[in-house]
Amino acid sequence: MGHEDRKFPARLRRYLAAAENGKAEAFYHLGLYYASGHGVDPDYVAAHKWFNLAAVRGVKEAVAERAELAREMSPADIAAAQREAREWLQAHAA
């Protein structure tokens, strides 16, 4: 489902926009959405990526959420999430 899709929750679109501006809390909330599947298909790789980005920005809750999520993920999926987080940081470097 695309982010422009009308079924994509407005709040989630706002978090994505805030994430584009580097807002740590937005990263955390995106992780929650993707981990729970609330408003989107569950995607642990995406959730881990967003929690990782939030943790890097100092959101302590994201560290715990990321660790809990990692227990449910394969090493390959964790590596993919870490790679996606690095790529996001490189693409959004100021």
PDB file of N, CA and C in Angstrom:
ATOM      1  N   MET A   1       0.855  -1.165   0.000  1.00  0.00           N
ATOM      2  CA  MET A   1       0.000   0.000   0.000  1.00  0.00           C
ATOM      3  C   MET A   1       0.904   1.233   0.000  1.00  0.00           C
ATOM      4  N   GLY A   2       0.637   2.162  -0.860  1.00  0.00           N
ATOM      5  CA  GLY A   2       1.438   3.381  -0.935  1.00  0.00           C
ATOM      6  C   GLY A   2       1.090   4.354   0.164  1.00  0.00           C
ATOM      7  N   HIS A   3       2.016   5.228   0.469  1.00  0.00           N
ATOM      8  CA  HIS A   3       1.794   6.205   1.536  1.00  0.00           C
ATOM      9  C   HIS A   3       0.762   7.245   1.151  1.00  0.00           C
ATOM     10  N   GLU A   4       0.475   7.368  -0.152  1.00  0.00           N
ATOM     11  CA  GLU A   4      -0.520   8.325  -0.590  1.00  0.00           C
ATOM     12  C   GLU A   4      -1.922   7.730  -0.557  1.00  0.00           C
ATOM     13  N   ASP A   5      -2.010   6.434  -0.356  1.00  0.00           N
ATOM     14  CA  ASP A   5      -3.287   5.745  -0.332  1.00  0.00           C
ATOM     15  C   ASP A   5      -4.171   6.354   0.749  1.00  0.00           C
ATOM     16  N   ARG A   6      -5.448   6.564   0.413  1.00  0.00           N
ATOM     17  CA  ARG A   6      -6.368   7.176   1.379  1.00  0.00           C
ATOM     18  C   ARG A   6      -6.569   6.308   2.608  1.00  0.00           C
ATOM     19  N   LYS A   7      -6.331   5.010   2.495  1.00  0.00           N
ATOM     20  CA  LYS A   7      -6.489   4.122   3.642  1.00  0.00           C
ATOM     21  C   LYS A   7      -5.301   4.208   4.593  1.00  0.00           C
ATOM     22  N   PHE A   8      -4.209   4.753   4.120  1.00  0.00           N
ATOM     23  CA  PHE A   8      -3.022   4.914   4.964  1.00  0.00           C
ATOM     24  C   PHE A   8      -3.355   5.988   5.989  1.00  0.00           C
ATOM     25  N   PRO A   9      -3.336   5.679   7.273  1.00  0.00           N
ATOM     26  CA  PRO A   9      -3.798   6.626   8.296  1.00  0.00           C
ATOM     27  C   PRO A   9      -3.093   7.982   8.226  1.00  0.00           C
ATOM     28  N   ALA A  10      -3.889   9.027   8.399  1.00  0.00           N
ATOM     29  CA  ALA A  10      -3.353  10.395   8.348  1.00  0.00           C
ATOM     30  C   ALA A  10      -2.259  10.586   9.391  1.00  0.00           C
ATOM     31  N   ARG A  11      -2.444  10.036  10.569  1.00  0.00           N
ATOM     32  CA  ARG A  11      -1.436  10.188  11.622  1.00  0.00           C
ATOM     33  C   ARG A  11      -0.113   9.560  11.190  1.00  0.00           C
ATOM     34  N   LEU A  12      -0.205   8.419  10.540  1.00  0.00           N
ATOM     35  CA  LEU A  12       1.003   7.749  10.068  1.00  0.00           C
ATOM     36  C   LEU A  12       1.698   8.590   9.000  1.00  0.00           C
ATOM     37  N   ARG A  13       0.936   9.218   8.123  1.00  0.00           N
ATOM     38  CA  ARG A  13       1.529  10.121   7.119  1.00  0.00           C
ATOM     39  C   ARG A  13       2.242  11.279   7.803  1.00  0.00           C
ATOM     40  N   ARG A  14       1.650  11.799   8.874  1.00  0.00           N
ATOM     41  CA  ARG A  14       2.292  12.901   9.611  1.00  0.00           C
ATOM     42  C   ARG A  14       3.597  12.437  10.256  1.00  0.00           C
ATOM     43  N   TYR A  15       3.601  11.227  10.814  1.00  0.00           N
ATOM     44  CA  TYR A  15       4.842  10.707  11.401  1.00  0.00           C
ATOM     45  C   TYR A  15       5.914  10.525  10.333  1.00  0.00           C
ATOM     46  N   LEU A  16       5.523  10.060   9.160  1.00  0.00           N
ATOM     47  CA  LEU A  16       6.496   9.918   8.071  1.00  0.00           C
ATOM     48  C   LEU A  16       7.076  11.272   7.680  1.00  0.00           C
ATOM     49  N   ALA A  17       6.217  12.281   7.613  1.00  0.00           N
ATOM     50  CA  ALA A  17       6.698  13.629   7.279  1.00  0.00           C
ATOM     51  C   ALA A  17       7.630  14.144   8.368  1.00  0.00           C
ATOM     52  N   ALA A  18       7.280  13.916   9.626  1.00  0.00           N
ATOM     53  CA  ALA A  18       8.133  14.360  10.733  1.00  0.00           C
ATOM     54  C   ALA A  18       9.460  13.603  10.724  1.00  0.00           C
ATOM     55  N   ALA A  19       9.419  12.323  10.370  1.00  0.00           N
ATOM     56  CA  ALA A  19      10.654  11.535  10.286  1.00  0.00           C
ATOM     57  C   ALA A  19      11.572  12.106   9.218  1.00  0.00           C
ATOM     58  N   GLU A  20      11.000  12.557   8.123  1.00  0.00           N
ATOM     59  CA  GLU A  20      11.809  13.171   7.066  1.00  0.00           C
ATOM     60  C   GLU A  20      12.556  14.396   7.590  1.00  0.00           C
ATOM     61  N   ASN A  21      12.018  15.010   8.636  1.00  0.00           N
ATOM     62  CA  ASN A  21      12.654  16.171   9.265  1.00  0.00           C
ATOM     63  C   ASN A  21      13.499  15.784  10.475  1.00  0.00           C
ATOM     64  N   GLY A  22      13.718  14.481  10.664  1.00  0.00           N
ATOM     65  CA  GLY A  22      14.610  14.015  11.720  1.00  0.00           C
ATOM     66  C   GLY A  22      14.034  13.991  13.118  1.00  0.00           C
ATOM     67  N   LYS A  23      12.720  13.980  13.252  1.00  0.00           N
ATOM     68  CA  LYS A  23      12.086  13.997  14.577  1.00  0.00           C
ATOM     69  C   LYS A  23      12.151  12.615  15.230  1.00  0.00           C
ATOM     70  N   ALA A  24      12.862  12.522  16.331  1.00  0.00           N
ATOM     71  CA  ALA A  24      13.095  11.241  17.003  1.00  0.00           C
ATOM     72  C   ALA A  24      11.800  10.561  17.431  1.00  0.00           C
ATOM     73  N   GLU A  25      10.861  11.319  17.964  1.00  0.00           N
ATOM     74  CA  GLU A  25       9.596  10.720  18.406  1.00  0.00           C
ATOM     75  C   GLU A  25       8.828  10.134  17.230  1.00  0.00           C
ATOM     76  N   ALA A  26       8.957  10.738  16.063  1.00  0.00           N
ATOM     77  CA  ALA A  26       8.302  10.195  14.870  1.00  0.00           C
ATOM     78  C   ALA A  26       8.898   8.841  14.517  1.00  0.00           C
ATOM     79  N   PHE A  27      10.220   8.714  14.618  1.00  0.00           N
ATOM     80  CA  PHE A  27      10.861   7.426  14.353  1.00  0.00           C
ATOM     81  C   PHE A  27      10.275   6.363  15.283  1.00  0.00           C
ATOM     82  N   TYR A  28      10.172   6.720  16.553  1.00  0.00           N
ATOM     83  CA  TYR A  28       9.665   5.778  17.552  1.00  0.00           C
ATOM     84  C   TYR A  28       8.233   5.350  17.229  1.00  0.00           C
ATOM     85  N   HIS A  29       7.381   6.310  16.932  1.00  0.00           N
ATOM     86  CA  HIS A  29       5.982   5.984  16.647  1.00  0.00           C
ATOM     87  C   HIS A  29       5.842   5.173  15.361  1.00  0.00           C
ATOM     88  N   LEU A  30       6.669   5.441  14.372  1.00  0.00           N
ATOM     89  CA  LEU A  30       6.653   4.615  13.163  1.00  0.00           C
ATOM     90  C   LEU A  30       7.034   3.175  13.500  1.00  0.00           C
ATOM     91  N   GLY A  31       8.014   3.011  14.377  1.00  0.00           N
ATOM     92  CA  GLY A  31       8.369   1.665  14.821  1.00  0.00           C
ATOM     93  C   GLY A  31       7.194   0.953  15.463  1.00  0.00           C
ATOM     94  N   LEU A  32       6.451   1.675  16.295  1.00  0.00           N
ATOM     95  CA  LEU A  32       5.279   1.079  16.934  1.00  0.00           C
ATOM     96  C   LEU A  32       4.239   0.663  15.905  1.00  0.00           C
ATOM     97  N   TYR A  33       3.986   1.532  14.932  1.00  0.00           N
ATOM     98  CA  TYR A  33       3.011   1.200  13.889  1.00  0.00           C
ATOM     99  C   TYR A  33       3.414  -0.067  13.145  1.00  0.00           C
ATOM    100  N   TYR A  34       4.656  -0.123  12.687  1.00  0.00           N
ATOM    101  CA  TYR A  34       5.088  -1.273  11.899  1.00  0.00           C
ATOM    102  C   TYR A  34       5.213  -2.538  12.744  1.00  0.00           C
ATOM    103  N   ALA A  35       5.574  -2.422  13.998  1.00  0.00           N
ATOM    104  CA  ALA A  35       5.669  -3.602  14.867  1.00  0.00           C
ATOM    105  C   ALA A  35       4.291  -4.197  15.143  1.00  0.00           C
ATOM    106  N   SER A  36       3.309  -3.332  15.344  1.00  0.00           N
ATOM    107  CA  SER A  36       1.971  -3.793  15.708  1.00  0.00           C
ATOM    108  C   SER A  36       1.089  -4.092  14.511  1.00  0.00           C
ATOM    109  N   GLY A  37       1.439  -3.527  13.357  1.00  0.00           N
ATOM    110  CA  GLY A  37       0.573  -3.670  12.198  1.00  0.00           C
ATOM    111  C   GLY A  37      -0.636  -2.762  12.268  1.00  0.00           C
ATOM    112  N   HIS A  38      -0.574  -1.750  13.113  1.00  0.00           N
ATOM    113  CA  HIS A  38      -1.682  -0.804  13.247  1.00  0.00           C
ATOM    114  C   HIS A  38      -1.661   0.167  12.068  1.00  0.00           C
ATOM    115  N   GLY A  39      -2.615   0.006  11.160  1.00  0.00           N
ATOM    116  CA  GLY A  39      -2.713   0.898  10.012  1.00  0.00           C
ATOM    117  C   GLY A  39      -1.845   0.497   8.835  1.00  0.00           C
ATOM    118  N   VAL A  40      -0.966  -0.471   9.044  1.00  0.00           N
ATOM    119  CA  VAL A  40      -0.079  -0.974   7.987  1.00  0.00           C
ATOM    120  C   VAL A  40       0.081  -2.477   8.187  1.00  0.00           C
ATOM    121  N   ASP A  41       0.588  -3.145   7.172  1.00  0.00           N
ATOM    122  CA  ASP A  41       0.929  -4.554   7.357  1.00  0.00           C
ATOM    123  C   ASP A  41       2.098  -4.630   8.334  1.00  0.00           C
ATOM    124  N   PRO A  42       2.072  -5.583   9.272  1.00  0.00           N
ATOM    125  CA  PRO A  42       3.212  -5.715  10.185  1.00  0.00           C
ATOM    126  C   PRO A  42       4.500  -5.930   9.394  1.00  0.00           C
ATOM    127  N   ASP A  43       5.537  -5.246   9.796  1.00  0.00           N
ATOM    128  CA  ASP A  43       6.829  -5.343   9.104  1.00  0.00           C
ATOM    129  C   ASP A  43       7.913  -5.148  10.155  1.00  0.00           C
ATOM    130  N   TYR A  44       8.445  -6.261  10.658  1.00  0.00           N
ATOM    131  CA  TYR A  44       9.437  -6.186  11.725  1.00  0.00           C
ATOM    132  C   TYR A  44      10.738  -5.548  11.272  1.00  0.00           C
ATOM    133  N   VAL A  45      11.111  -5.742  10.017  1.00  0.00           N
ATOM    134  CA  VAL A  45      12.334  -5.109   9.521  1.00  0.00           C
ATOM    135  C   VAL A  45      12.166  -3.592   9.548  1.00  0.00           C
ATOM    136  N   ALA A  46      11.039  -3.104   9.047  1.00  0.00           N
ATOM    137  CA  ALA A  46      10.786  -1.658   9.065  1.00  0.00           C
ATOM    138  C   ALA A  46      10.693  -1.152  10.504  1.00  0.00           C
ATOM    139  N   ALA A  47       9.999  -1.889  11.365  1.00  0.00           N
ATOM    140  CA  ALA A  47       9.865  -1.470  12.762  1.00  0.00           C
ATOM    141  C   ALA A  47      11.231  -1.363  13.424  1.00  0.00           C
ATOM    142  N   HIS A  48      12.061  -2.370  13.232  1.00  0.00           N
ATOM    143  CA  HIS A  48      13.400  -2.365  13.825  1.00  0.00           C
ATOM    144  C   HIS A  48      14.197  -1.170  13.307  1.00  0.00           C
ATOM    145  N   LYS A  49      14.088  -0.903  12.012  1.00  0.00           N
ATOM    146  CA  LYS A  49      14.785   0.250  11.424  1.00  0.00           C
ATOM    147  C   LYS A  49      14.365   1.541  12.131  1.00  0.00           C
ATOM    148  N   TRP A  50      13.052   1.760  12.266  1.00  0.00           N
ATOM    149  CA  TRP A  50      12.579   3.001  12.893  1.00  0.00           C
ATOM    150  C   TRP A  50      12.971   3.063  14.368  1.00  0.00           C
ATOM    151  N   PHE A  51      12.880   1.936  15.088  1.00  0.00           N
ATOM    152  CA  PHE A  51      13.316   1.928  16.489  1.00  0.00           C
ATOM    153  C   PHE A  51      14.808   2.229  16.583  1.00  0.00           C
ATOM    154  N   ASN A  52      15.586   1.692  15.670  1.00  0.00           N
ATOM    155  CA  ASN A  52      17.021   1.948  15.663  1.00  0.00           C
ATOM    156  C   ASN A  52      17.295   3.438  15.463  1.00  0.00           C
ATOM    157  N   LEU A  53      16.606   4.046  14.509  1.00  0.00           N
ATOM    158  CA  LEU A  53      16.794   5.478  14.260  1.00  0.00           C
ATOM    159  C   LEU A  53      16.380   6.305  15.477  1.00  0.00           C
ATOM    160  N   ALA A  54      15.298   5.903  16.135  1.00  0.00           N
ATOM    161  CA  ALA A  54      14.865   6.610  17.345  1.00  0.00           C
ATOM    162  C   ALA A  54      15.892   6.440  18.459  1.00  0.00           C
ATOM    163  N   ALA A  55      16.423   5.235  18.610  1.00  0.00           N
ATOM    164  CA  ALA A  55      17.416   4.974  19.656  1.00  0.00           C
ATOM    165  C   ALA A  55      18.666   5.817  19.443  1.00  0.00           C
ATOM    166  N   VAL A  56      19.093   5.924  18.201  1.00  0.00           N
ATOM    167  CA  VAL A  56      20.268   6.747  17.881  1.00  0.00           C
ATOM    168  C   VAL A  56      20.031   8.199  18.285  1.00  0.00           C
ATOM    169  N   ARG A  57      18.767   8.630  18.233  1.00  0.00           N
ATOM    170  CA  ARG A  57      18.416  10.006  18.576  1.00  0.00           C
ATOM    171  C   ARG A  57      18.065  10.165  20.061  1.00  0.00           C
ATOM    172  N   GLY A  58      18.265   9.100  20.843  1.00  0.00           N
ATOM    173  CA  GLY A  58      18.108   9.219  22.288  1.00  0.00           C
ATOM    174  C   GLY A  58      16.769   8.822  22.870  1.00  0.00           C
ATOM    175  N   VAL A  59      15.901   8.187  22.108  1.00  0.00           N
ATOM    176  CA  VAL A  59      14.608   7.746  22.640  1.00  0.00           C
ATOM    177  C   VAL A  59      14.826   6.411  23.356  1.00  0.00           C
ATOM    178  N   LYS A  60      14.832   6.456  24.680  1.00  0.00           N
ATOM    179  CA  LYS A  60      15.157   5.267  25.479  1.00  0.00           C
ATOM    180  C   LYS A  60      14.166   4.131  25.278  1.00  0.00           C
ATOM    181  N   GLU A  61      12.891   4.466  25.127  1.00  0.00           N
ATOM    182  CA  GLU A  61      11.879   3.430  24.922  1.00  0.00           C
ATOM    183  C   GLU A  61      12.153   2.634  23.644  1.00  0.00           C
ATOM    184  N   ALA A  62      12.741   3.284  22.665  1.00  0.00           N
ATOM    185  CA  ALA A  62      13.028   2.617  21.390  1.00  0.00           C
ATOM    186  C   ALA A  62      14.064   1.518  21.563  1.00  0.00           C
ATOM    187  N   VAL A  63      14.993   1.716  22.488  1.00  0.00           N
ATOM    188  CA  VAL A  63      16.018   0.695  22.743  1.00  0.00           C
ATOM    189  C   VAL A  63      15.349  -0.591  23.229  1.00  0.00           C
ATOM    190  N   ALA A  64      14.428  -0.459  24.171  1.00  0.00           N
ATOM    191  CA  ALA A  64      13.726  -1.625  24.713  1.00  0.00           C
ATOM    192  C   ALA A  64      12.832  -2.269  23.660  1.00  0.00           C
ATOM    193  N   GLU A  65      12.112  -1.457  22.904  1.00  0.00           N
ATOM    194  CA  GLU A  65      11.234  -1.995  21.856  1.00  0.00           C
ATOM    195  C   GLU A  65      12.050  -2.740  20.801  1.00  0.00           C
ATOM    196  N   ARG A  66      13.173  -2.168  20.419  1.00  0.00           N
ATOM    197  CA  ARG A  66      14.035  -2.793  19.406  1.00  0.00           C
ATOM    198  C   ARG A  66      14.549  -4.140  19.909  1.00  0.00           C
ATOM    199  N   ALA A  67      14.977  -4.202  21.166  1.00  0.00           N
ATOM    200  CA  ALA A  67      15.488  -5.454  21.736  1.00  0.00           C
ATOM    201  C   ALA A  67      14.397  -6.519  21.791  1.00  0.00           C
ATOM    202  N   GLU A  68      13.204  -6.113  22.200  1.00  0.00           N
ATOM    203  CA  GLU A  68      12.091  -7.062  22.267  1.00  0.00           C
ATOM    204  C   GLU A  68      11.745  -7.584  20.874  1.00  0.00           C
ATOM    205  N   LEU A  69      11.700  -6.698  19.921  1.00  0.00           N
ATOM    206  CA  LEU A  69      11.387  -7.076  18.548  1.00  0.00           C
ATOM    207  C   LEU A  69      12.456  -8.005  17.975  1.00  0.00           C
ATOM    208  N   ALA A  70      13.707  -7.730  18.273  1.00  0.00           N
ATOM    209  CA  ALA A  70      14.816  -8.524  17.740  1.00  0.00           C
ATOM    210  C   ALA A  70      14.721  -9.987  18.163  1.00  0.00           C
ATOM    211  N   ARG A  71      14.121 -10.239  19.317  1.00  0.00           N
ATOM    212  CA  ARG A  71      13.962 -11.624  19.776  1.00  0.00           C
ATOM    213  C   ARG A  71      13.051 -12.427  18.850  1.00  0.00           C
ATOM    214  N   GLU A  72      12.211 -11.731  18.093  1.00  0.00           N
ATOM    215  CA  GLU A  72      11.272 -12.384  17.177  1.00  0.00           C
ATOM    216  C   GLU A  72      11.788 -12.423  15.737  1.00  0.00           C
ATOM    217  N   MET A  73      12.985 -11.894  15.506  1.00  0.00           N
ATOM    218  CA  MET A  73      13.511 -11.743  14.148  1.00  0.00           C
ATOM    219  C   MET A  73      14.693 -12.672  13.898  1.00  0.00           C
ATOM    220  N   SER A  74      14.888 -13.003  12.640  1.00  0.00           N
ATOM    221  CA  SER A  74      16.061 -13.791  12.257  1.00  0.00           C
ATOM    222  C   SER A  74      17.278 -12.870  12.192  1.00  0.00           C
ATOM    223  N   PRO A  75      18.474 -13.431  12.311  1.00  0.00           N
ATOM    224  CA  PRO A  75      19.680 -12.604  12.154  1.00  0.00           C
ATOM    225  C   PRO A  75      19.713 -11.876  10.807  1.00  0.00           C
ATOM    226  N   ALA A  76      19.226 -12.529   9.759  1.00  0.00           N
ATOM    227  CA  ALA A  76      19.210 -11.888   8.432  1.00  0.00           C
ATOM    228  C   ALA A  76      18.274 -10.684   8.419  1.00  0.00           C
ATOM    229  N   ASP A  77      17.118 -10.802   9.079  1.00  0.00           N
ATOM    230  CA  ASP A  77      16.180  -9.676   9.128  1.00  0.00           C
ATOM    231  C   ASP A  77      16.742  -8.527   9.961  1.00  0.00           C
ATOM    232  N   ILE A  78      17.420  -8.843  11.052  1.00  0.00           N
ATOM    233  CA  ILE A  78      18.041  -7.795  11.866  1.00  0.00           C
ATOM    234  C   ILE A  78      19.107  -7.074  11.055  1.00  0.00           C
ATOM    235  N   ALA A  79      19.909  -7.835  10.332  1.00  0.00           N
ATOM    236  CA  ALA A  79      20.944  -7.223   9.488  1.00  0.00           C
ATOM    237  C   ALA A  79      20.319  -6.332   8.422  1.00  0.00           C
ATOM    238  N   ALA A  80      19.202  -6.780   7.843  1.00  0.00           N
ATOM    239  CA  ALA A  80      18.513  -5.966   6.831  1.00  0.00           C
ATOM    240  C   ALA A  80      18.000  -4.669   7.445  1.00  0.00           C
ATOM    241  N   ALA A  81      17.437  -4.753   8.644  1.00  0.00           N
ATOM    242  CA  ALA A  81      16.928  -3.555   9.319  1.00  0.00           C
ATOM    243  C   ALA A  81      18.056  -2.581   9.635  1.00  0.00           C
ATOM    244  N   GLN A  82      19.177  -3.107  10.095  1.00  0.00           N
ATOM    245  CA  GLN A  82      20.323  -2.245  10.402  1.00  0.00           C
ATOM    246  C   GLN A  82      20.855  -1.581   9.139  1.00  0.00           C
ATOM    247  N   ARG A  83      20.888  -2.341   8.053  1.00  0.00           N
ATOM    248  CA  ARG A  83      21.334  -1.783   6.771  1.00  0.00           C
ATOM    249  C   ARG A  83      20.382  -0.669   6.317  1.00  0.00           C
ATOM    250  N   GLU A  84      19.075  -0.911   6.434  1.00  0.00           N
ATOM    251  CA  GLU A  84      18.092   0.102   6.045  1.00  0.00           C
ATOM    252  C   GLU A  84      18.231   1.361   6.900  1.00  0.00           C
ATOM    253  N   ALA A  85      18.500   1.195   8.184  1.00  0.00           N
ATOM    254  CA  ALA A  85      18.686   2.361   9.060  1.00  0.00           C
ATOM    255  C   ALA A  85      19.918   3.156   8.637  1.00  0.00           C
ATOM    256  N   ARG A  86      21.014   2.465   8.355  1.00  0.00           N
ATOM    257  CA  ARG A  86      22.229   3.162   7.887  1.00  0.00           C
ATOM    258  C   ARG A  86      21.969   3.898   6.580  1.00  0.00           C
ATOM    259  N   GLU A  87      21.273   3.231   5.663  1.00  0.00           N
ATOM    260  CA  GLU A  87      20.967   3.858   4.379  1.00  0.00           C
ATOM    261  C   GLU A  87      20.086   5.085   4.563  1.00  0.00           C
ATOM    262  N   TRP A  88      19.127   4.995   5.484  1.00  0.00           N
ATOM    263  CA  TRP A  88      18.252   6.137   5.748  1.00  0.00           C
ATOM    264  C   TRP A  88      19.079   7.305   6.284  1.00  0.00           C
ATOM    265  N   LEU A  89      19.970   7.006   7.233  1.00  0.00           N
ATOM    266  CA  LEU A  89      20.812   8.062   7.799  1.00  0.00           C
ATOM    267  C   LEU A  89      21.694   8.703   6.733  1.00  0.00           C
ATOM    268  N   GLN A  90      22.257   7.897   5.860  1.00  0.00           N
ATOM    269  CA  GLN A  90      23.101   8.442   4.792  1.00  0.00           C
ATOM    270  C   GLN A  90      22.290   9.300   3.833  1.00  0.00           C
ATOM    271  N   ALA A  91      21.097   8.854   3.503  1.00  0.00           N
ATOM    272  CA  ALA A  91      20.251   9.594   2.566  1.00  0.00           C
ATOM    273  C   ALA A  91      19.731  10.896   3.162  1.00  0.00           C
ATOM    274  N   HIS A  92      19.652  10.959   4.491  1.00  0.00           N
ATOM    275  CA  HIS A  92      19.089  12.135   5.162  1.00  0.00           C
ATOM    276  C   HIS A  92      20.133  12.917   5.952  1.00  0.00           C
ATOM    277  N   ALA A  93      21.392  12.706   5.638  1.00  0.00           N
ATOM    278  CA  ALA A  93      22.463  13.444   6.333  1.00  0.00           C
ATOM    279  C   ALA A  93      22.340  14.926   6.019  1.00  0.00           C
ATOM    280  N   ALA A  94      22.489  15.716   7.061  1.00  0.00           N
ATOM    281  CA  ALA A  94      22.355  17.175   6.888  1.00  0.00           C
ATOM    282  C   ALA A  94      23.642  17.782   6.379  1.00  0.00           C
TER     283      ALA A  94
END
